[in-house]
Protein backbone atom coordinates (compact mmCIF):
# COMPACT_ATOMS: atom_id res chain seq x y z
CA UNK A 1 1.18 -180.30 -208.05
CA UNK A 2 -0.75 -178.28 -210.79
CA UNK A 3 -1.97 -179.91 -214.20
CA UNK A 4 -1.06 -179.21 -217.33
CA UNK A 5 -4.66 -178.89 -218.13
CA UNK A 6 -4.41 -176.25 -215.79
CA UNK A 7 -2.09 -174.89 -217.04
CA UNK A 8 -3.86 -174.44 -220.59
CA UNK A 9 -6.71 -173.10 -219.76
CA UNK A 10 -4.58 -170.21 -219.25
CA UNK A 11 -2.83 -170.04 -223.10
CA UNK A 12 -2.79 -167.14 -224.74
CA UNK A 13 -3.74 -166.52 -228.71
CA UNK A 14 -0.67 -166.04 -230.53
CA UNK A 15 -2.21 -163.23 -232.73
CA UNK A 16 -3.56 -162.07 -230.02
CA UNK A 17 0.26 -161.60 -227.43
CA UNK A 18 0.87 -159.27 -225.99
CA UNK A 19 3.48 -156.93 -227.46
CA UNK A 20 6.16 -157.22 -224.03
CA UNK A 21 8.48 -160.55 -223.67
CA UNK A 22 8.65 -163.19 -221.09
CA UNK A 23 10.80 -163.85 -218.69
CA UNK A 24 9.22 -167.54 -216.76
CA UNK A 25 11.74 -168.32 -213.55
CA UNK A 26 10.78 -170.86 -210.87
CA UNK A 27 11.90 -170.42 -207.91
CA UNK A 28 12.40 -172.40 -205.19
CA UNK A 29 9.74 -173.41 -202.30
CA UNK A 30 8.54 -170.27 -201.50
CA UNK A 31 12.02 -168.33 -202.24
CA UNK A 32 10.83 -164.48 -202.82
CA UNK A 33 15.26 -163.91 -203.24
CA UNK A 34 15.48 -164.82 -206.87
CA UNK A 35 11.49 -162.85 -207.15
CA UNK A 36 12.22 -159.82 -205.85
CA UNK A 37 15.43 -159.77 -208.02
CA UNK A 38 13.51 -159.57 -211.68
CA UNK A 39 11.04 -158.41 -210.66
CA UNK A 40 12.85 -155.90 -209.62
CA UNK A 41 15.69 -155.15 -212.59
CA UNK A 42 13.48 -156.73 -216.09
CA UNK A 43 12.89 -153.39 -218.18
CA UNK A 44 9.84 -152.39 -219.82
CA UNK A 45 10.48 -154.52 -222.19
CA UNK A 46 9.52 -157.97 -220.61
CA UNK A 47 7.43 -159.12 -218.26
CA UNK A 48 8.71 -161.34 -215.47
CA UNK A 49 6.18 -164.63 -215.19
CA UNK A 50 7.05 -166.14 -211.05
CA UNK A 51 6.15 -170.61 -212.16
CA UNK A 52 3.24 -170.56 -209.14
CA UNK A 53 3.81 -173.55 -206.92
CA UNK A 54 6.41 -174.53 -204.10
CA UNK A 55 8.11 -176.90 -204.93
CA UNK A 56 11.84 -177.67 -203.98
CA UNK A 57 13.38 -179.97 -206.09
CA UNK A 58 14.74 -179.15 -208.81
CA UNK A 59 13.40 -182.34 -211.26
CA UNK A 60 9.83 -180.55 -209.54
CA UNK A 61 10.91 -177.29 -210.60
CA UNK A 62 11.53 -178.74 -214.25
CA UNK A 63 8.46 -180.33 -214.51
CA UNK A 64 6.71 -177.30 -213.63
CA UNK A 65 9.00 -174.66 -214.92
CA UNK A 66 8.04 -176.42 -218.62
CA UNK A 67 4.50 -177.20 -217.44
CA UNK A 68 4.23 -173.76 -217.09
CA UNK A 69 5.98 -171.99 -220.15
CA UNK A 70 3.73 -174.32 -222.18
CA UNK A 71 0.76 -173.91 -220.67
CA UNK A 72 1.04 -170.03 -220.85
CA UNK A 73 2.05 -169.82 -224.76
CA UNK A 74 5.30 -169.23 -224.06
CA UNK A 75 7.88 -168.22 -227.44
CA UNK A 76 11.01 -169.15 -229.01
CA UNK A 77 11.48 -165.21 -228.15
CA UNK A 78 10.53 -165.46 -224.77
CA UNK A 79 13.30 -166.94 -222.25
CA UNK A 80 12.68 -169.47 -218.45
CA UNK A 81 14.59 -170.30 -216.59
CA UNK A 82 14.83 -173.35 -213.50
CA UNK A 83 16.86 -171.38 -210.57
CA UNK A 84 18.50 -173.05 -208.79
CA UNK A 85 20.81 -173.93 -205.99
CA UNK A 86 23.33 -176.65 -205.64
CA UNK A 87 23.92 -176.07 -201.81
CA UNK A 88 26.14 -178.67 -200.24
CA UNK A 89 24.64 -182.24 -200.36
CA UNK A 90 26.13 -184.18 -203.10
CA UNK A 91 23.02 -186.62 -202.84
CA UNK A 92 21.60 -182.93 -204.76
CA UNK A 93 23.87 -184.15 -208.12
CA UNK A 94 21.19 -187.09 -209.22
CA UNK A 95 18.53 -184.56 -208.99
CA UNK A 96 20.23 -181.50 -210.53
CA UNK A 97 21.42 -184.27 -213.52
CA UNK A 98 17.77 -184.89 -213.69
CA UNK A 99 16.25 -181.69 -214.18
CA UNK A 100 18.88 -181.00 -216.61
CA UNK A 101 18.80 -184.06 -218.91
CA UNK A 102 14.58 -183.02 -218.31
CA UNK A 103 15.74 -179.54 -219.79
CA UNK A 104 17.30 -180.39 -222.81
CA UNK A 105 15.33 -182.71 -223.55
CA UNK A 106 12.52 -179.80 -224.37
CA UNK A 107 14.98 -177.78 -226.15
CA UNK A 108 16.07 -179.95 -228.69
CA UNK A 109 12.74 -181.17 -228.78
CA UNK A 110 10.05 -178.36 -228.78
CA UNK A 111 12.27 -174.82 -226.56
CA UNK A 112 14.72 -173.21 -227.81
CA UNK A 113 14.86 -170.83 -224.28
CA UNK A 114 14.40 -172.58 -221.52
CA UNK A 115 17.35 -173.25 -219.27
CA UNK A 116 18.65 -174.84 -216.08
CA UNK A 117 20.96 -172.18 -214.65
CA UNK A 118 22.38 -172.77 -211.14
CA UNK A 119 23.94 -171.44 -208.21
CA UNK A 120 26.77 -173.02 -206.18
CA UNK A 121 25.87 -172.76 -203.34
CA UNK A 122 23.21 -169.59 -204.15
CA UNK A 123 21.95 -166.97 -205.42
CA UNK A 124 23.72 -164.75 -203.59
CA UNK A 125 27.11 -165.48 -205.33
CA UNK A 126 25.29 -163.63 -208.06
CA UNK A 127 25.45 -160.21 -205.26
CA UNK A 128 28.75 -160.92 -204.88
CA UNK A 129 29.82 -161.10 -208.00
CA UNK A 130 28.80 -157.27 -208.74
CA UNK A 131 31.57 -155.73 -206.05
CA UNK A 132 33.84 -159.01 -206.45
CA UNK A 133 35.79 -161.86 -207.16
CA UNK A 134 36.43 -164.26 -204.86
CA UNK A 135 36.81 -168.00 -205.20
CA UNK A 136 36.64 -168.04 -201.81
CA UNK A 137 35.97 -172.57 -200.38
CA UNK A 138 32.66 -171.33 -198.34
CA UNK A 139 31.91 -174.20 -196.53
CA UNK A 140 27.81 -173.35 -195.19
CA UNK A 141 25.16 -170.27 -196.53
CA UNK A 142 26.04 -168.19 -193.93
CA UNK A 143 29.52 -168.12 -195.04
CA UNK A 144 28.15 -167.04 -198.21
CA UNK A 145 26.34 -164.50 -196.50
CA UNK A 146 29.05 -163.22 -194.54
CA UNK A 147 30.83 -162.05 -197.42
CA UNK A 148 27.40 -160.57 -199.42
CA UNK A 149 27.60 -158.26 -196.29
CA UNK A 150 30.98 -156.33 -196.46
CA UNK A 151 29.63 -155.33 -199.80
CA UNK A 152 25.72 -154.28 -198.97
CA UNK A 153 25.81 -153.23 -194.72
CA UNK A 154 22.20 -155.28 -193.62
CA UNK A 155 21.97 -157.70 -196.39
CA UNK A 156 18.49 -159.68 -195.09
CA UNK A 157 17.31 -162.48 -198.18
CA UNK A 158 14.44 -161.39 -198.90
CA UNK A 159 13.88 -157.76 -198.65
CA UNK A 160 16.13 -157.22 -202.69
CA UNK A 161 13.95 -154.13 -202.31
CA UNK A 162 16.09 -152.18 -199.03
CA UNK A 163 19.07 -152.62 -200.79
CA UNK A 164 18.65 -153.33 -204.92
CA UNK A 165 20.51 -150.42 -205.57
CA UNK A 166 23.74 -151.20 -204.51
CA UNK A 167 23.85 -153.20 -207.90
CA UNK A 168 22.85 -150.84 -210.05
CA UNK A 169 25.57 -149.63 -212.47
CA UNK A 170 27.75 -153.63 -211.63
CA UNK A 171 25.99 -155.35 -214.17
CA UNK A 172 28.51 -155.90 -216.53
CA UNK A 173 30.67 -156.45 -213.88
CA UNK A 174 28.94 -159.08 -212.64
CA UNK A 175 28.54 -160.88 -215.72
CA UNK A 176 32.15 -160.96 -215.96
CA UNK A 177 33.02 -162.09 -212.98
CA UNK A 178 29.85 -164.70 -213.58
CA UNK A 179 31.84 -166.01 -216.44
CA UNK A 180 35.89 -166.29 -214.63
CA UNK A 181 34.03 -168.58 -212.26
CA UNK A 182 32.89 -170.55 -214.70
CA UNK A 183 36.61 -171.07 -216.10
CA UNK A 184 37.73 -171.31 -212.58
CA UNK A 185 35.78 -173.92 -212.18
CA UNK A 186 36.28 -175.88 -215.47
CA UNK A 187 39.46 -175.26 -215.13
CA UNK A 188 39.69 -176.78 -212.17
CA UNK A 189 37.53 -180.16 -213.61
CA UNK A 190 34.38 -179.83 -211.87
CA UNK A 191 31.74 -180.76 -213.44
CA UNK A 192 28.85 -179.15 -213.91
CA UNK A 193 25.64 -178.88 -212.61
CA UNK A 194 27.06 -180.42 -209.65
CA UNK A 195 26.91 -179.17 -206.35
CA UNK A 196 31.17 -179.04 -206.59
CA UNK A 197 30.75 -176.44 -209.27
CA UNK A 198 31.50 -173.71 -206.64
CA UNK A 199 31.85 -170.93 -206.99
CA UNK A 200 29.48 -170.52 -209.59
CA UNK A 201 26.66 -168.81 -210.37
CA UNK A 202 24.64 -169.09 -213.98
CA UNK A 203 22.59 -165.56 -213.87
CA UNK A 204 24.36 -163.86 -215.90
CA UNK A 205 23.32 -166.41 -218.82
CA UNK A 206 19.95 -164.95 -218.52
CA UNK A 207 21.11 -161.66 -219.03
CA UNK A 208 23.14 -162.19 -221.84
CA UNK A 209 21.04 -164.51 -224.15
CA UNK A 210 17.67 -162.19 -222.93
CA UNK A 211 17.86 -159.40 -220.10
CA UNK A 212 20.36 -157.07 -222.33
CA UNK A 213 19.00 -158.08 -226.12
CA UNK A 214 15.07 -157.04 -224.90
CA UNK A 215 16.80 -153.56 -222.97
CA UNK A 216 18.11 -153.05 -225.96
CA UNK A 217 15.28 -153.15 -228.16
CA UNK A 218 13.41 -151.29 -226.04
């Protein structure tokens, strides 16, 4: 585990702060999907930083993200996202709730722009939202991948650079569909940041709350 002290050694004095804003993201283990995607789509006014480490549970990911936020000297004008997939195991609910509480406490007491961003069951729901709105009841991740291949033939997880152009120009549609999915789950009385809250993705929040705003400033 990377210590809080190690992060603080990287802290930058505020007066020497780089002009670009920072998007800090924590991803599960060695997952390349989210890393590749955000590093590709970030605009010229934003630097993407990846939280180091190979944590796979939401609680450890949240803790490391908060350590990195402080250690790198991020400001409230930056944005940090802990990107978690709910998967299908309801035993993950307790971890999601604990991670949610850690991040919410940090939002209230210290850092305004730290966020738990859940995709249910997986990040690829965000990709599908670029092409279609569907409330399909997926039973396994492979079904999500099969659905995505209808729109991006030959899609392979972790090789986003080869397929990212298929998503270009569709961000607004994806945002609106993701928000519709959220409303659908809420109306169905599913609980946010629980495994049951599917299909859904909160990735749209990173765009509405940060990336689109910074794009207008560039």
